């Protein structure tokens, strides 16, 4: 987590960038939840993540930003600090 109160706590921070369609589908496969991010059972999760993204912009605070949405075996480094 890259919230203000945790800034400077970590030696290294990595942000894995993936759209909700991908991250929720992975969560569904792992936890047996519904795979559609628009499903009512996922409202709290999706809205919570959106609040975090809007408030903290973790991709701007991370040391490494990795796009791994399309192929888990071939992640792409988008940026580093």
PDB file of N, CA and C in Angstrom:
ATOM      1  N   UNK A   1       0.838  -1.171   0.000  1.00  0.00           N
ATOM      2  CA  UNK A   1       0.000   0.000   0.000  1.00  0.00           C
ATOM      3  C   UNK A   1       0.885   1.238   0.000  1.00  0.00           C
ATOM      4  N   UNK A   2       0.508   2.170  -0.785  1.00  0.00           N
ATOM      5  CA  UNK A   2       1.273   3.406  -0.908  1.00  0.00           C
ATOM      6  C   UNK A   2       0.500   4.615  -0.388  1.00  0.00           C
ATOM      7  N   UNK A   3      -0.118   4.448   0.763  1.00  0.00           N
ATOM      8  CA  UNK A   3      -0.833   5.559   1.387  1.00  0.00           C
ATOM      9  C   UNK A   3       0.167   6.511   2.045  1.00  0.00           C
ATOM     10  N   UNK A   4      -0.278   7.758   2.278  1.00  0.00           N
ATOM     11  CA  UNK A   4       0.595   8.771   2.877  1.00  0.00           C
ATOM     12  C   UNK A   4       1.256   8.291   4.158  1.00  0.00           C
ATOM     13  N   UNK A   5       0.477   7.668   5.049  1.00  0.00           N
ATOM     14  CA  UNK A   5       1.018   7.275   6.346  1.00  0.00           C
ATOM     15  C   UNK A   5       2.037   6.140   6.257  1.00  0.00           C
ATOM     16  N   UNK A   6       2.133   5.491   5.109  1.00  0.00           N
ATOM     17  CA  UNK A   6       3.102   4.409   4.931  1.00  0.00           C
ATOM     18  C   UNK A   6       4.276   4.806   4.034  1.00  0.00           C
ATOM     19  N   UNK A   7       4.250   6.013   3.520  1.00  0.00           N
ATOM     20  CA  UNK A   7       5.325   6.482   2.630  1.00  0.00           C
ATOM     21  C   UNK A   7       6.660   6.381   3.368  1.00  0.00           C
ATOM     22  N   UNK A   8       7.635   5.853   2.697  1.00  0.00           N
ATOM     23  CA  UNK A   8       8.957   5.712   3.288  1.00  0.00           C
ATOM     24  C   UNK A   8       9.143   4.470   4.128  1.00  0.00           C
ATOM     25  N   UNK A   9       8.089   3.677   4.308  1.00  0.00           N
ATOM     26  CA  UNK A   9       8.177   2.462   5.113  1.00  0.00           C
ATOM     27  C   UNK A   9       8.874   1.334   4.354  1.00  0.00           C
ATOM     28  N   UNK A  10       8.634   1.277   3.068  1.00  0.00           N
ATOM     29  CA  UNK A  10       9.113   0.157   2.254  1.00  0.00           C
ATOM     30  C   UNK A  10      10.457   0.473   1.606  1.00  0.00           C
ATOM     31  N   UNK A  11      11.290  -0.544   1.452  1.00  0.00           N
ATOM     32  CA  UNK A  11      12.531  -0.395   0.705  1.00  0.00           C
ATOM     33  C   UNK A  11      12.249  -0.364  -0.794  1.00  0.00           C
ATOM     34  N   UNK A  12      11.202  -1.085  -1.193  1.00  0.00           N
ATOM     35  CA  UNK A  12      10.836  -1.160  -2.608  1.00  0.00           C
ATOM     36  C   UNK A  12       9.326  -1.337  -2.713  1.00  0.00           C
ATOM     37  N   UNK A  13       8.720  -0.611  -3.626  1.00  0.00           N
ATOM     38  CA  UNK A  13       7.282  -0.719  -3.850  1.00  0.00           C
ATOM     39  C   UNK A  13       7.043  -1.013  -5.325  1.00  0.00           C
ATOM     40  N   UNK A  14       6.221  -2.027  -5.593  1.00  0.00           N
ATOM     41  CA  UNK A  14       5.887  -2.412  -6.959  1.00  0.00           C
ATOM     42  C   UNK A  14       4.375  -2.287  -7.136  1.00  0.00           C
ATOM     43  N   UNK A  15       3.966  -1.595  -8.180  1.00  0.00           N
ATOM     44  CA  UNK A  15       2.548  -1.487  -8.508  1.00  0.00           C
ATOM     45  C   UNK A  15       2.289  -2.337  -9.737  1.00  0.00           C
ATOM     46  N   UNK A  16       1.404  -3.324  -9.604  1.00  0.00           N
ATOM     47  CA  UNK A  16       1.023  -4.173 -10.728  1.00  0.00           C
ATOM     48  C   UNK A  16      -0.236  -3.582 -11.345  1.00  0.00           C
ATOM     49  N   UNK A  17      -0.111  -3.093 -12.542  1.00  0.00           N
ATOM     50  CA  UNK A  17      -1.212  -2.428 -13.222  1.00  0.00           C
ATOM     51  C   UNK A  17      -2.021  -3.424 -14.032  1.00  0.00           C
ATOM     52  N   UNK A  18      -3.309  -3.515 -13.715  1.00  0.00           N
ATOM     53  CA  UNK A  18      -4.218  -4.406 -14.442  1.00  0.00           C
ATOM     54  C   UNK A  18      -5.627  -3.835 -14.312  1.00  0.00           C
ATOM     55  N   UNK A  19      -6.419  -3.898 -15.370  1.00  0.00           N
ATOM     56  CA  UNK A  19      -7.791  -3.405 -15.268  1.00  0.00           C
ATOM     57  C   UNK A  19      -8.628  -4.304 -14.359  1.00  0.00           C
ATOM     58  N   UNK A  20      -9.722  -3.749 -13.841  1.00  0.00           N
ATOM     59  CA  UNK A  20     -10.586  -4.523 -12.954  1.00  0.00           C
ATOM     60  C   UNK A  20     -11.090  -5.798 -13.618  1.00  0.00           C
ATOM     61  N   UNK A  21     -11.306  -5.789 -14.916  1.00  0.00           N
ATOM     62  CA  UNK A  21     -11.781  -7.005 -15.582  1.00  0.00           C
ATOM     63  C   UNK A  21     -10.780  -8.141 -15.400  1.00  0.00           C
ATOM     64  N   UNK A  22      -9.508  -7.803 -15.374  1.00  0.00           N
ATOM     65  CA  UNK A  22      -8.467  -8.815 -15.197  1.00  0.00           C
ATOM     66  C   UNK A  22      -8.287  -9.164 -13.724  1.00  0.00           C
ATOM     67  N   UNK A  23      -8.152  -8.156 -12.865  1.00  0.00           N
ATOM     68  CA  UNK A  23      -7.896  -8.434 -11.447  1.00  0.00           C
ATOM     69  C   UNK A  23      -9.076  -9.143 -10.782  1.00  0.00           C
ATOM     70  N   UNK A  24     -10.304  -8.767 -11.147  1.00  0.00           N
ATOM     71  CA  UNK A  24     -11.476  -9.419 -10.565  1.00  0.00           C
ATOM     72  C   UNK A  24     -11.610 -10.847 -11.088  1.00  0.00           C
ATOM     73  N   UNK A  25     -11.308 -11.068 -12.349  1.00  0.00           N
ATOM     74  CA  UNK A  25     -11.348 -12.431 -12.890  1.00  0.00           C
ATOM     75  C   UNK A  25     -10.343 -13.330 -12.176  1.00  0.00           C
ATOM     76  N   UNK A  26      -9.166 -12.797 -11.867  1.00  0.00           N
ATOM     77  CA  UNK A  26      -8.161 -13.569 -11.135  1.00  0.00           C
ATOM     78  C   UNK A  26      -8.627 -13.857  -9.718  1.00  0.00           C
ATOM     79  N   UNK A  27      -9.234 -12.846  -9.090  1.00  0.00           N
ATOM     80  CA  UNK A  27      -9.762 -13.041  -7.744  1.00  0.00           C
ATOM     81  C   UNK A  27     -10.865 -14.101  -7.760  1.00  0.00           C
ATOM     82  N   UNK A  28     -11.686 -14.088  -8.795  1.00  0.00           N
ATOM     83  CA  UNK A  28     -12.764 -15.072  -8.910  1.00  0.00           C
ATOM     84  C   UNK A  28     -12.195 -16.479  -9.030  1.00  0.00           C
ATOM     85  N   UNK A  29     -11.165 -16.637  -9.837  1.00  0.00           N
ATOM     86  CA  UNK A  29     -10.544 -17.957  -9.999  1.00  0.00           C
ATOM     87  C   UNK A  29      -9.900 -18.427  -8.697  1.00  0.00           C
ATOM     88  N   UNK A  30      -9.321 -17.490  -7.956  1.00  0.00           N
ATOM     89  CA  UNK A  30      -8.647 -17.822  -6.705  1.00  0.00           C
ATOM     90  C   UNK A  30      -9.626 -18.068  -5.565  1.00  0.00           C
ATOM     91  N   UNK A  31     -10.640 -17.193  -5.436  1.00  0.00           N
ATOM     92  CA  UNK A  31     -11.511 -17.204  -4.257  1.00  0.00           C
ATOM     93  C   UNK A  31     -12.927 -17.685  -4.520  1.00  0.00           C
ATOM     94  N   UNK A  32     -13.276 -17.952  -5.772  1.00  0.00           N
ATOM     95  CA  UNK A  32     -14.620 -18.394  -6.084  1.00  0.00           C
ATOM     96  C   UNK A  32     -15.650 -17.277  -6.107  1.00  0.00           C
ATOM     97  N   UNK A  33     -15.197 -16.043  -6.238  1.00  0.00           N
ATOM     98  CA  UNK A  33     -16.124 -14.914  -6.326  1.00  0.00           C
ATOM     99  C   UNK A  33     -16.649 -14.777  -7.749  1.00  0.00           C
ATOM    100  N   UNK A  34     -17.574 -13.846  -7.928  1.00  0.00           N
ATOM    101  CA  UNK A  34     -18.124 -13.581  -9.251  1.00  0.00           C
ATOM    102  C   UNK A  34     -17.047 -12.907 -10.104  1.00  0.00           C
ATOM    103  N   UNK A  35     -16.892 -13.277 -11.382  1.00  0.00           N
ATOM    104  CA  UNK A  35     -15.825 -12.718 -12.211  1.00  0.00           C
ATOM    105  C   UNK A  35     -16.124 -11.345 -12.835  1.00  0.00           C
ATOM    106  N   UNK A  36     -17.339 -10.861 -12.699  1.00  0.00           N
ATOM    107  CA  UNK A  36     -17.710  -9.583 -13.311  1.00  0.00           C
ATOM    108  C   UNK A  36     -17.531  -8.446 -12.312  1.00  0.00           C
ATOM    109  N   UNK A  37     -16.635  -7.472 -12.589  1.00  0.00           N
ATOM    110  CA  UNK A  37     -16.413  -6.385 -11.643  1.00  0.00           C
ATOM    111  C   UNK A  37     -17.651  -5.513 -11.418  1.00  0.00           C
ATOM    112  N   UNK A  38     -18.651  -5.601 -12.280  1.00  0.00           N
ATOM    113  CA  UNK A  38     -19.893  -4.832 -12.115  1.00  0.00           C
ATOM    114  C   UNK A  38     -20.931  -5.571 -11.274  1.00  0.00           C
ATOM    115  N   UNK A  39     -20.634  -6.802 -10.879  1.00  0.00           N
ATOM    116  CA  UNK A  39     -21.583  -7.580 -10.080  1.00  0.00           C
ATOM    117  C   UNK A  39     -21.756  -6.911  -8.708  1.00  0.00           C
ATOM    118  N   UNK A  40     -22.996  -6.848  -8.205  1.00  0.00           N
ATOM    119  CA  UNK A  40     -23.257  -6.184  -6.919  1.00  0.00           C
ATOM    120  C   UNK A  40     -22.419  -6.700  -5.748  1.00  0.00           C
ATOM    121  N   UNK A  41     -22.032  -7.961  -5.773  1.00  0.00           N
ATOM    122  CA  UNK A  41     -21.241  -8.512  -4.671  1.00  0.00           C
ATOM    123  C   UNK A  41     -19.824  -7.933  -4.632  1.00  0.00           C
ATOM    124  N   UNK A  42     -19.403  -7.271  -5.702  1.00  0.00           N
ATOM    125  CA  UNK A  42     -18.046  -6.719  -5.767  1.00  0.00           C
ATOM    126  C   UNK A  42     -18.019  -5.199  -5.673  1.00  0.00           C
ATOM    127  N   UNK A  43     -19.160  -4.592  -5.424  1.00  0.00           N
ATOM    128  CA  UNK A  43     -19.237  -3.129  -5.367  1.00  0.00           C
ATOM    129  C   UNK A  43     -18.262  -2.558  -4.346  1.00  0.00           C
ATOM    130  N   UNK A  44     -18.248  -3.117  -3.149  1.00  0.00           N
ATOM    131  CA  UNK A  44     -17.373  -2.594  -2.096  1.00  0.00           C
ATOM    132  C   UNK A  44     -15.901  -2.700  -2.492  1.00  0.00           C
ATOM    133  N   UNK A  45     -15.504  -3.841  -3.048  1.00  0.00           N
ATOM    134  CA  UNK A  45     -14.111  -4.031  -3.458  1.00  0.00           C
ATOM    135  C   UNK A  45     -13.718  -3.027  -4.543  1.00  0.00           C
ATOM    136  N   UNK A  46     -14.511  -2.955  -5.599  1.00  0.00           N
ATOM    137  CA  UNK A  46     -14.179  -2.084  -6.731  1.00  0.00           C
ATOM    138  C   UNK A  46     -14.185  -0.619  -6.294  1.00  0.00           C
ATOM    139  N   UNK A  47     -15.188  -0.200  -5.553  1.00  0.00           N
ATOM    140  CA  UNK A  47     -15.237   1.190  -5.103  1.00  0.00           C
ATOM    141  C   UNK A  47     -14.096   1.514  -4.137  1.00  0.00           C
ATOM    142  N   UNK A  48     -13.740   0.565  -3.289  1.00  0.00           N
ATOM    143  CA  UNK A  48     -12.612   0.767  -2.379  1.00  0.00           C
ATOM    144  C   UNK A  48     -11.305   0.932  -3.132  1.00  0.00           C
ATOM    145  N   UNK A  49     -11.104   0.115  -4.146  1.00  0.00           N
ATOM    146  CA  UNK A  49      -9.897   0.238  -4.967  1.00  0.00           C
ATOM    147  C   UNK A  49      -9.878   1.574  -5.706  1.00  0.00           C
ATOM    148  N   UNK A  50     -11.018   1.992  -6.224  1.00  0.00           N
ATOM    149  CA  UNK A  50     -11.090   3.281  -6.922  1.00  0.00           C
ATOM    150  C   UNK A  50     -10.770   4.442  -5.978  1.00  0.00           C
ATOM    151  N   UNK A  51     -11.283   4.383  -4.738  1.00  0.00           N
ATOM    152  CA  UNK A  51     -10.957   5.417  -3.751  1.00  0.00           C
ATOM    153  C   UNK A  51      -9.451   5.456  -3.485  1.00  0.00           C
ATOM    154  N   UNK A  52      -8.867   4.278  -3.295  1.00  0.00           N
ATOM    155  CA  UNK A  52      -7.419   4.183  -3.064  1.00  0.00           C
ATOM    156  C   UNK A  52      -6.644   4.740  -4.252  1.00  0.00           C
ATOM    157  N   UNK A  53      -7.001   4.346  -5.454  1.00  0.00           N
ATOM    158  CA  UNK A  53      -6.304   4.831  -6.644  1.00  0.00           C
ATOM    159  C   UNK A  53      -6.406   6.350  -6.764  1.00  0.00           C
ATOM    160  N   UNK A  54      -7.596   6.894  -6.555  1.00  0.00           N
ATOM    161  CA  UNK A  54      -7.795   8.335  -6.674  1.00  0.00           C
ATOM    162  C   UNK A  54      -7.065   9.114  -5.585  1.00  0.00           C
ATOM    163  N   UNK A  55      -7.066   8.603  -4.369  1.00  0.00           N
ATOM    164  CA  UNK A  55      -6.442   9.313  -3.253  1.00  0.00           C
ATOM    165  C   UNK A  55      -4.922   9.193  -3.250  1.00  0.00           C
ATOM    166  N   UNK A  56      -4.419   8.030  -3.602  1.00  0.00           N
ATOM    167  CA  UNK A  56      -2.990   7.764  -3.424  1.00  0.00           C
ATOM    168  C   UNK A  56      -2.181   7.702  -4.710  1.00  0.00           C
ATOM    169  N   UNK A  57      -2.840   7.449  -5.830  1.00  0.00           N
ATOM    170  CA  UNK A  57      -2.143   7.319  -7.112  1.00  0.00           C
ATOM    171  C   UNK A  57      -0.884   6.442  -6.941  1.00  0.00           C
ATOM    172  N   UNK A  58      -1.066   5.177  -6.519  1.00  0.00           N
ATOM    173  CA  UNK A  58       0.072   4.327  -6.159  1.00  0.00           C
ATOM    174  C   UNK A  58       1.072   4.111  -7.288  1.00  0.00           C
ATOM    175  N   UNK A  59       0.664   4.190  -8.518  1.00  0.00           N
ATOM    176  CA  UNK A  59       1.584   4.022  -9.652  1.00  0.00           C
ATOM    177  C   UNK A  59       2.594   5.161  -9.696  1.00  0.00           C
ATOM    178  N   UNK A  60       2.254   6.326  -9.112  1.00  0.00           N
ATOM    179  CA  UNK A  60       3.190   7.439  -9.075  1.00  0.00           C
ATOM    180  C   UNK A  60       4.166   7.326  -7.910  1.00  0.00           C
ATOM    181  N   UNK A  61       3.830   6.579  -6.888  1.00  0.00           N
ATOM    182  CA  UNK A  61       4.672   6.432  -5.702  1.00  0.00           C
ATOM    183  C   UNK A  61       5.542   5.185  -5.753  1.00  0.00           C
ATOM    184  N   UNK A  62       5.161   4.228  -6.579  1.00  0.00           N
ATOM    185  CA  UNK A  62       5.884   2.950  -6.631  1.00  0.00           C
ATOM    186  C   UNK A  62       7.258   3.127  -7.263  1.00  0.00           C
ATOM    187  N   UNK A  63       8.208   2.311  -6.802  1.00  0.00           N
ATOM    188  CA  UNK A  63       9.527   2.297  -7.421  1.00  0.00           C
ATOM    189  C   UNK A  63       9.481   1.654  -8.803  1.00  0.00           C
ATOM    190  N   UNK A  64       8.614   0.640  -8.941  1.00  0.00           N
ATOM    191  CA  UNK A  64       8.455  -0.054 -10.212  1.00  0.00           C
ATOM    192  C   UNK A  64       6.974  -0.142 -10.535  1.00  0.00           C
ATOM    193  N   UNK A  65       6.639   0.096 -11.795  1.00  0.00           N
ATOM    194  CA  UNK A  65       5.267  -0.075 -12.271  1.00  0.00           C
ATOM    195  C   UNK A  65       5.307  -1.141 -13.359  1.00  0.00           C
ATOM    196  N   UNK A  66       4.550  -2.200 -13.150  1.00  0.00           N
ATOM    197  CA  UNK A  66       4.547  -3.332 -14.067  1.00  0.00           C
ATOM    198  C   UNK A  66       3.148  -3.513 -14.638  1.00  0.00           C
ATOM    199  N   UNK A  67       3.049  -3.569 -15.948  1.00  0.00           N
ATOM    200  CA  UNK A  67       1.791  -3.868 -16.623  1.00  0.00           C
ATOM    201  C   UNK A  67       1.799  -5.359 -16.868  1.00  0.00           C
ATOM    202  N   UNK A  68       0.853  -6.044 -16.253  1.00  0.00           N
ATOM    203  CA  UNK A  68       0.828  -7.497 -16.389  1.00  0.00           C
ATOM    204  C   UNK A  68      -0.588  -7.976 -16.685  1.00  0.00           C
ATOM    205  N   UNK A  69      -1.333  -7.152 -17.386  1.00  0.00           N
ATOM    206  CA  UNK A  69      -2.738  -7.451 -17.625  1.00  0.00           C
ATOM    207  C   UNK A  69      -2.956  -8.548 -18.656  1.00  0.00           C
ATOM    208  N   UNK A  70      -2.148  -8.579 -19.676  1.00  0.00           N
ATOM    209  CA  UNK A  70      -2.453  -9.471 -20.776  1.00  0.00           C
ATOM    210  C   UNK A  70      -1.786 -10.836 -20.675  1.00  0.00           C
ATOM    211  N   UNK A  71      -0.571 -10.883 -20.176  1.00  0.00           N
ATOM    212  CA  UNK A  71       0.154 -12.153 -20.140  1.00  0.00           C
ATOM    213  C   UNK A  71       1.001 -12.224 -18.876  1.00  0.00           C
ATOM    214  N   UNK A  72       0.599 -13.065 -17.944  1.00  0.00           N
ATOM    215  CA  UNK A  72       1.335 -13.190 -16.687  1.00  0.00           C
ATOM    216  C   UNK A  72       2.774 -13.649 -16.893  1.00  0.00           C
ATOM    217  N   UNK A  73       3.031 -14.320 -17.991  1.00  0.00           N
ATOM    218  CA  UNK A  73       4.370 -14.823 -18.259  1.00  0.00           C
ATOM    219  C   UNK A  73       5.275 -13.793 -18.926  1.00  0.00           C
ATOM    220  N   UNK A  74       4.691 -12.659 -19.336  1.00  0.00           N
ATOM    221  CA  UNK A  74       5.474 -11.627 -20.007  1.00  0.00           C
ATOM    222  C   UNK A  74       5.080 -10.237 -19.503  1.00  0.00           C
ATOM    223  N   UNK A  75       5.355  -9.949 -18.236  1.00  0.00           N
ATOM    224  CA  UNK A  75       5.015  -8.627 -17.715  1.00  0.00           C
ATOM    225  C   UNK A  75       5.889  -7.553 -18.374  1.00  0.00           C
ATOM    226  N   UNK A  76       5.389  -6.339 -18.407  1.00  0.00           N
ATOM    227  CA  UNK A  76       6.110  -5.234 -19.027  1.00  0.00           C
ATOM    228  C   UNK A  76       6.415  -4.176 -17.976  1.00  0.00           C
ATOM    229  N   UNK A  77       7.670  -3.804 -17.847  1.00  0.00           N
ATOM    230  CA  UNK A  77       8.049  -2.739 -16.944  1.00  0.00           C
ATOM    231  C   UNK A  77       7.697  -1.407 -17.609  1.00  0.00           C
ATOM    232  N   UNK A  78       6.782  -0.667 -16.990  1.00  0.00           N
ATOM    233  CA  UNK A  78       6.332   0.608 -17.547  1.00  0.00           C
ATOM    234  C   UNK A  78       7.150   1.780 -17.037  1.00  0.00           C
ATOM    235  N   UNK A  79       7.683   1.668 -15.846  1.00  0.00           N
ATOM    236  CA  UNK A  79       8.438   2.776 -15.291  1.00  0.00           C
ATOM    237  C   UNK A  79       9.152   2.375 -14.021  1.00  0.00           C
ATOM    238  N   UNK A  80      10.145   3.165 -13.669  1.00  0.00           N
ATOM    239  CA  UNK A  80      10.878   2.939 -12.426  1.00  0.00           C
ATOM    240  C   UNK A  80      11.403   4.261 -11.917  1.00  0.00           C
ATOM    241  N   UNK A  81      11.615   4.305 -10.611  1.00  0.00           N
ATOM    242  CA  UNK A  81      12.157   5.506  -9.965  1.00  0.00           C
ATOM    243  C   UNK A  81      13.479   5.170  -9.318  1.00  0.00           C
TER     244      UNK A  81
END
